[in-house]
Amino acid sequence: MIRLAKTLRGHATGILNYFKHRISTAKLEGINHKIKNLKRRAYGYRDETFFVLKLYSLHESSVKLSGC
């Protein structure tokens, strides 16, 4: 419990700011995760241009992000 209290105290500013402003980086983190997975799969791509085209086509997936 003491360790939990220290952790919460260390992150108190960020936690309280979320409840004050209701701004989250969840959508951004989701996009970053998609890019990271694409980079992992891109090991066999022969050129960087194809990778960039795949990045541009991420938004055409079956799951749409609202507000993007």
PDB file of N, CA and C in Angstrom:
ATOM      1  N   MET A   1       0.827  -1.194   0.000  1.00  0.00           N
ATOM      2  CA  MET A   1       0.000   0.000   0.000  1.00  0.00           C
ATOM      3  C   MET A   1       0.871   1.259   0.000  1.00  0.00           C
ATOM      4  N   ILE A   2       1.980   1.201   0.718  1.00  0.00           N
ATOM      5  CA  ILE A   2       2.867   2.372   0.766  1.00  0.00           C
ATOM      6  C   ILE A   2       3.455   2.632  -0.608  1.00  0.00           C
ATOM      7  N   ARG A   3       3.832   1.563  -1.283  1.00  0.00           N
ATOM      8  CA  ARG A   3       4.389   1.710  -2.634  1.00  0.00           C
ATOM      9  C   ARG A   3       3.348   2.289  -3.595  1.00  0.00           C
ATOM     10  N   LEU A   4       2.109   1.837  -3.494  1.00  0.00           N
ATOM     11  CA  LEU A   4       1.025   2.369  -4.320  1.00  0.00           C
ATOM     12  C   LEU A   4       0.820   3.850  -4.039  1.00  0.00           C
ATOM     13  N   ALA A   5       0.832   4.223  -2.772  1.00  0.00           N
ATOM     14  CA  ALA A   5       0.649   5.626  -2.397  1.00  0.00           C
ATOM     15  C   ALA A   5       1.766   6.494  -2.968  1.00  0.00           C
ATOM     16  N   LYS A   6       3.001   5.999  -2.939  1.00  0.00           N
ATOM     17  CA  LYS A   6       4.124   6.762  -3.499  1.00  0.00           C
ATOM     18  C   LYS A   6       3.983   6.922  -5.009  1.00  0.00           C
ATOM     19  N   THR A   7       3.530   5.862  -5.665  1.00  0.00           N
ATOM     20  CA  THR A   7       3.332   5.924  -7.114  1.00  0.00           C
ATOM     21  C   THR A   7       2.244   6.932  -7.464  1.00  0.00           C
ATOM     22  N   LEU A   8       1.129   6.865  -6.751  1.00  0.00           N
ATOM     23  CA  LEU A   8       0.038   7.809  -7.009  1.00  0.00           C
ATOM     24  C   LEU A   8       0.461   9.247  -6.710  1.00  0.00           C
ATOM     25  N   ARG A   9       1.213   9.435  -5.668  1.00  0.00           N
ATOM     26  CA  ARG A   9       1.687  10.779  -5.331  1.00  0.00           C
ATOM     27  C   ARG A   9       2.611  11.307  -6.432  1.00  0.00           C
ATOM     28  N   GLY A  10       3.433  10.449  -6.985  1.00  0.00           N
ATOM     29  CA  GLY A  10       4.340  10.853  -8.056  1.00  0.00           C
ATOM     30  C   GLY A  10       3.619  11.222  -9.337  1.00  0.00           C
ATOM     31  N   HIS A  11       2.469  10.607  -9.589  1.00  0.00           N
ATOM     32  CA  HIS A  11       1.689  10.865 -10.800  1.00  0.00           C
ATOM     33  C   HIS A  11       0.457  11.722 -10.526  1.00  0.00           C
ATOM     34  N   ALA A  12       0.379  12.303  -9.358  1.00  0.00           N
ATOM     35  CA  ALA A  12      -0.821  13.045  -8.942  1.00  0.00           C
ATOM     36  C   ALA A  12      -1.156  14.188  -9.895  1.00  0.00           C
ATOM     37  N   THR A  13      -0.164  14.920 -10.356  1.00  0.00           N
ATOM     38  CA  THR A  13      -0.424  16.053 -11.248  1.00  0.00           C
ATOM     39  C   THR A  13      -1.113  15.594 -12.527  1.00  0.00           C
ATOM     40  N   GLY A  14      -0.596  14.563 -13.147  1.00  0.00           N
ATOM     41  CA  GLY A  14      -1.187  14.046 -14.381  1.00  0.00           C
ATOM     42  C   GLY A  14      -2.575  13.481 -14.169  1.00  0.00           C
ATOM     43  N   ILE A  15      -2.768  12.762 -13.084  1.00  0.00           N
ATOM     44  CA  ILE A  15      -4.082  12.176 -12.792  1.00  0.00           C
ATOM     45  C   ILE A  15      -5.117  13.271 -12.559  1.00  0.00           C
ATOM     46  N   LEU A  16      -4.774  14.262 -11.760  1.00  0.00           N
ATOM     47  CA  LEU A  16      -5.713  15.346 -11.473  1.00  0.00           C
ATOM     48  C   LEU A  16      -5.987  16.195 -12.713  1.00  0.00           C
ATOM     49  N   ASN A  17      -4.969  16.394 -13.567  1.00  0.00           N
ATOM     50  CA  ASN A  17      -5.182  17.154 -14.804  1.00  0.00           C
ATOM     51  C   ASN A  17      -6.152  16.442 -15.734  1.00  0.00           C
ATOM     52  N   TYR A  18      -6.121  15.102 -15.761  1.00  0.00           N
ATOM     53  CA  TYR A  18      -7.077  14.375 -16.589  1.00  0.00           C
ATOM     54  C   TYR A  18      -8.509  14.663 -16.129  1.00  0.00           C
ATOM     55  N   PHE A  19      -8.751  14.608 -14.833  1.00  0.00           N
ATOM     56  CA  PHE A  19     -10.107  14.835 -14.341  1.00  0.00           C
ATOM     57  C   PHE A  19     -10.525  16.293 -14.479  1.00  0.00           C
ATOM     58  N   LYS A  20      -9.575  17.197 -14.519  1.00  0.00           N
ATOM     59  CA  LYS A  20      -9.898  18.616 -14.682  1.00  0.00           C
ATOM     60  C   LYS A  20     -10.210  18.955 -16.140  1.00  0.00           C
ATOM     61  N   HIS A  21      -9.431  18.412 -17.093  1.00  0.00           N
ATOM     62  CA  HIS A  21      -9.562  18.795 -18.497  1.00  0.00           C
ATOM     63  C   HIS A  21     -10.165  17.715 -19.386  1.00  0.00           C
ATOM     64  N   ARG A  22     -10.218  16.471 -18.927  1.00  0.00           N
ATOM     65  CA  ARG A  22     -10.761  15.334 -19.676  1.00  0.00           C
ATOM     66  C   ARG A  22     -10.106  15.165 -21.050  1.00  0.00           C
ATOM     67  N   ILE A  23      -8.801  15.310 -21.106  1.00  0.00           N
ATOM     68  CA  ILE A  23      -8.046  15.098 -22.339  1.00  0.00           C
ATOM     69  C   ILE A  23      -7.251  13.812 -22.171  1.00  0.00           C
ATOM     70  N   SER A  24      -7.358  12.942 -23.162  1.00  0.00           N
ATOM     71  CA  SER A  24      -6.670  11.659 -23.112  1.00  0.00           C
ATOM     72  C   SER A  24      -5.842  11.477 -24.384  1.00  0.00           C
ATOM     73  N   THR A  25      -4.764  10.744 -24.289  1.00  0.00           N
ATOM     74  CA  THR A  25      -3.936  10.454 -25.455  1.00  0.00           C
ATOM     75  C   THR A  25      -4.218   9.053 -25.983  1.00  0.00           C
ATOM     76  N   ALA A  26      -5.352   8.480 -25.642  1.00  0.00           N
ATOM     77  CA  ALA A  26      -5.661   7.098 -26.016  1.00  0.00           C
ATOM     78  C   ALA A  26      -5.681   6.909 -27.530  1.00  0.00           C
ATOM     79  N   LYS A  27      -6.298   7.820 -28.272  1.00  0.00           N
ATOM     80  CA  LYS A  27      -6.362   7.679 -29.730  1.00  0.00           C
ATOM     81  C   LYS A  27      -4.967   7.756 -30.342  1.00  0.00           C
ATOM     82  N   LEU A  28      -4.165   8.672 -29.849  1.00  0.00           N
ATOM     83  CA  LEU A  28      -2.804   8.808 -30.348  1.00  0.00           C
ATOM     84  C   LEU A  28      -1.994   7.550 -30.056  1.00  0.00           C
ATOM     85  N   GLU A  29      -2.155   7.003 -28.873  1.00  0.00           N
ATOM     86  CA  GLU A  29      -1.447   5.773 -28.519  1.00  0.00           C
ATOM     87  C   GLU A  29      -1.896   4.617 -29.405  1.00  0.00           C
ATOM     88  N   GLY A  30      -3.178   4.579 -29.750  1.00  0.00           N
ATOM     89  CA  GLY A  30      -3.680   3.536 -30.648  1.00  0.00           C
ATOM     90  C   GLY A  30      -3.058   3.636 -32.035  1.00  0.00           C
ATOM     91  N   ILE A  31      -2.949   4.853 -32.548  1.00  0.00           N
ATOM     92  CA  ILE A  31      -2.324   5.059 -33.856  1.00  0.00           C
ATOM     93  C   ILE A  31      -0.855   4.668 -33.795  1.00  0.00           C
ATOM     94  N   ASN A  32      -0.163   5.066 -32.735  1.00  0.00           N
ATOM     95  CA  ASN A  32       1.243   4.699 -32.585  1.00  0.00           C
ATOM     96  C   ASN A  32       1.418   3.186 -32.534  1.00  0.00           C
ATOM     97  N   HIS A  33       0.484   2.503 -31.888  1.00  0.00           N
ATOM     98  CA  HIS A  33       0.551   1.041 -31.808  1.00  0.00           C
ATOM     99  C   HIS A  33       0.387   0.426 -33.199  1.00  0.00           C
ATOM    100  N   LYS A  34      -0.539   0.970 -34.001  1.00  0.00           N
ATOM    101  CA  LYS A  34      -0.724   0.466 -35.362  1.00  0.00           C
ATOM    102  C   LYS A  34       0.547   0.647 -36.190  1.00  0.00           C
ATOM    103  N   ILE A  35       1.190   1.808 -36.052  1.00  0.00           N
ATOM    104  CA  ILE A  35       2.421   2.080 -36.793  1.00  0.00           C
ATOM    105  C   ILE A  35       3.530   1.134 -36.344  1.00  0.00           C
ATOM    106  N   LYS A  36       3.615   0.903 -35.041  1.00  0.00           N
ATOM    107  CA  LYS A  36       4.638   0.000 -34.501  1.00  0.00           C
ATOM    108  C   LYS A  36       4.445  -1.414 -35.039  1.00  0.00           C
ATOM    109  N   ASN A  37       3.199  -1.879 -35.095  1.00  0.00           N
ATOM    110  CA  ASN A  37       2.926  -3.209 -35.638  1.00  0.00           C
ATOM    111  C   ASN A  37       3.262  -3.275 -37.121  1.00  0.00           C
ATOM    112  N   LEU A  38       2.958  -2.220 -37.864  1.00  0.00           N
ATOM    113  CA  LEU A  38       3.275  -2.174 -39.283  1.00  0.00           C
ATOM    114  C   LEU A  38       4.787  -2.225 -39.492  1.00  0.00           C
ATOM    115  N   LYS A  39       5.547  -1.513 -38.650  1.00  0.00           N
ATOM    116  CA  LYS A  39       7.002  -1.548 -38.750  1.00  0.00           C
ATOM    117  C   LYS A  39       7.533  -2.958 -38.505  1.00  0.00           C
ATOM    118  N   ARG A  40       6.914  -3.662 -37.577  1.00  0.00           N
ATOM    119  CA  ARG A  40       7.331  -5.037 -37.302  1.00  0.00           C
ATOM    120  C   ARG A  40       7.098  -5.938 -38.513  1.00  0.00           C
ATOM    121  N   ARG A  41       5.948  -5.738 -39.171  1.00  0.00           N
ATOM    122  CA  ARG A  41       5.626  -6.546 -40.347  1.00  0.00           C
ATOM    123  C   ARG A  41       6.410  -6.103 -41.580  1.00  0.00           C
ATOM    124  N   ALA A  42       6.990  -4.908 -41.543  1.00  0.00           N
ATOM    125  CA  ALA A  42       7.654  -4.338 -42.713  1.00  0.00           C
ATOM    126  C   ALA A  42       9.070  -4.860 -42.898  1.00  0.00           C
ATOM    127  N   TYR A  43       9.459  -5.839 -42.154  1.00  0.00           N
ATOM    128  CA  TYR A  43      10.827  -6.355 -42.226  1.00  0.00           C
ATOM    129  C   TYR A  43      11.205  -6.775 -43.651  1.00  0.00           C
ATOM    130  N   GLY A  44      10.273  -7.345 -44.394  1.00  0.00           N
ATOM    131  CA  GLY A  44      10.576  -7.849 -45.737  1.00  0.00           C
ATOM    132  C   GLY A  44      10.352  -6.851 -46.857  1.00  0.00           C
ATOM    133  N   TYR A  45       9.900  -5.630 -46.559  1.00  0.00           N
ATOM    134  CA  TYR A  45       9.657  -4.659 -47.618  1.00  0.00           C
ATOM    135  C   TYR A  45      10.981  -4.259 -48.252  1.00  0.00           C
ATOM    136  N   ARG A  46      10.985  -4.115 -49.566  1.00  0.00           N
ATOM    137  CA  ARG A  46      12.232  -3.835 -50.271  1.00  0.00           C
ATOM    138  C   ARG A  46      12.583  -2.355 -50.316  1.00  0.00           C
ATOM    139  N   ASP A  47      11.587  -1.496 -50.219  1.00  0.00           N
ATOM    140  CA  ASP A  47      11.902  -0.065 -50.271  1.00  0.00           C
ATOM    141  C   ASP A  47      11.047   0.721 -49.285  1.00  0.00           C
ATOM    142  N   GLU A  48      11.529   1.892 -48.952  1.00  0.00           N
ATOM    143  CA  GLU A  48      10.862   2.749 -47.974  1.00  0.00           C
ATOM    144  C   GLU A  48       9.570   3.348 -48.526  1.00  0.00           C
ATOM    145  N   THR A  49       9.491   3.524 -49.834  1.00  0.00           N
ATOM    146  CA  THR A  49       8.300   4.108 -50.455  1.00  0.00           C
ATOM    147  C   THR A  49       7.075   3.236 -50.196  1.00  0.00           C
ATOM    148  N   PHE A  50       7.234   1.920 -50.308  1.00  0.00           N
ATOM    149  CA  PHE A  50       6.118   1.017 -50.061  1.00  0.00           C
ATOM    150  C   PHE A  50       5.656   1.112 -48.612  1.00  0.00           C
ATOM    151  N   PHE A  51       6.618   1.235 -47.683  1.00  0.00           N
ATOM    152  CA  PHE A  51       6.270   1.376 -46.272  1.00  0.00           C
ATOM    153  C   PHE A  51       5.463   2.650 -46.036  1.00  0.00           C
ATOM    154  N   VAL A  52       5.868   3.749 -46.673  1.00  0.00           N
ATOM    155  CA  VAL A  52       5.149   5.010 -46.532  1.00  0.00           C
ATOM    156  C   VAL A  52       3.732   4.867 -47.086  1.00  0.00           C
ATOM    157  N   LEU A  53       3.583   4.190 -48.214  1.00  0.00           N
ATOM    158  CA  LEU A  53       2.244   3.955 -48.775  1.00  0.00           C
ATOM    159  C   LEU A  53       1.387   3.130 -47.818  1.00  0.00           C
ATOM    160  N   LYS A  54       1.988   2.149 -47.171  1.00  0.00           N
ATOM    161  CA  LYS A  54       1.248   1.361 -46.193  1.00  0.00           C
ATOM    162  C   LYS A  54       0.828   2.220 -44.995  1.00  0.00           C
ATOM    163  N   LEU A  55       1.682   3.156 -44.586  1.00  0.00           N
ATOM    164  CA  LEU A  55       1.319   4.072 -43.504  1.00  0.00           C
ATOM    165  C   LEU A  55       0.113   4.914 -43.888  1.00  0.00           C
ATOM    166  N   TYR A  56       0.121   5.424 -45.126  1.00  0.00           N
ATOM    167  CA  TYR A  56      -1.005   6.238 -45.582  1.00  0.00           C
ATOM    168  C   TYR A  56      -2.288   5.427 -45.667  1.00  0.00           C
ATOM    169  N   SER A  57      -2.173   4.127 -45.895  1.00  0.00           N
ATOM    170  CA  SER A  57      -3.375   3.308 -46.036  1.00  0.00           C
ATOM    171  C   SER A  57      -3.885   2.765 -44.702  1.00  0.00           C
ATOM    172  N   LEU A  58      -3.241   3.094 -43.597  1.00  0.00           N
ATOM    173  CA  LEU A  58      -3.707   2.616 -42.287  1.00  0.00           C
ATOM    174  C   LEU A  58      -5.134   3.065 -41.985  1.00  0.00           C
ATOM    175  N   HIS A  59      -5.477   4.258 -42.451  1.00  0.00           N
ATOM    176  CA  HIS A  59      -6.822   4.771 -42.153  1.00  0.00           C
ATOM    177  C   HIS A  59      -7.922   4.036 -42.894  1.00  0.00           C
ATOM    178  N   GLU A  60      -7.579   3.216 -43.858  1.00  0.00           N
ATOM    179  CA  GLU A  60      -8.565   2.483 -44.633  1.00  0.00           C
ATOM    180  C   GLU A  60      -8.858   1.113 -44.042  1.00  0.00           C
ATOM    181  N   SER A  61      -8.537   0.913 -42.781  1.00  0.00           N
ATOM    182  CA  SER A  61      -8.771  -0.367 -42.139  1.00  0.00           C
ATOM    183  C   SER A  61     -10.255  -0.538 -41.815  1.00  0.00           C
ATOM    184  N   SER A  62     -10.612  -1.720 -41.348  1.00  0.00           N
ATOM    185  CA  SER A  62     -12.008  -1.987 -41.030  1.00  0.00           C
ATOM    186  C   SER A  62     -12.448  -1.285 -39.758  1.00  0.00           C
ATOM    187  N   VAL A  63     -11.507  -0.892 -38.912  1.00  0.00           N
ATOM    188  CA  VAL A  63     -11.821  -0.181 -37.673  1.00  0.00           C
ATOM    189  C   VAL A  63     -11.495   1.290 -37.872  1.00  0.00           C
ATOM    190  N   LYS A  64     -12.487   2.153 -37.759  1.00  0.00           N
ATOM    191  CA  LYS A  64     -12.292   3.579 -37.944  1.00  0.00           C
ATOM    192  C   LYS A  64     -12.154   4.264 -36.596  1.00  0.00           C
ATOM    193  N   LEU A  65     -11.231   5.222 -36.514  1.00  0.00           N
ATOM    194  CA  LEU A  65     -11.085   6.018 -35.323  1.00  0.00           C
ATOM    195  C   LEU A  65     -11.929   7.275 -35.466  1.00  0.00           C
ATOM    196  N   SER A  66     -12.707   7.581 -34.477  1.00  0.00           N
ATOM    197  CA  SER A  66     -13.531   8.792 -34.560  1.00  0.00           C
ATOM    198  C   SER A  66     -12.680  10.013 -34.291  1.00  0.00           C
ATOM    199  N   GLY A  67     -12.955  11.082 -35.006  1.00  0.00           N
ATOM    200  CA  GLY A  67     -12.244  12.337 -34.801  1.00  0.00           C
ATOM    201  C   GLY A  67     -10.914  12.412 -35.520  1.00  0.00           C
ATOM    202  N   CYS A  68     -10.579  11.416 -36.334  1.00  0.00           N
ATOM    203  CA  CYS A  68      -9.290  11.442 -37.044  1.00  0.00           C
ATOM    204  C   CYS A  68      -9.499  11.671 -38.520  1.00  0.00           C
TER     205      CYS A  68
END
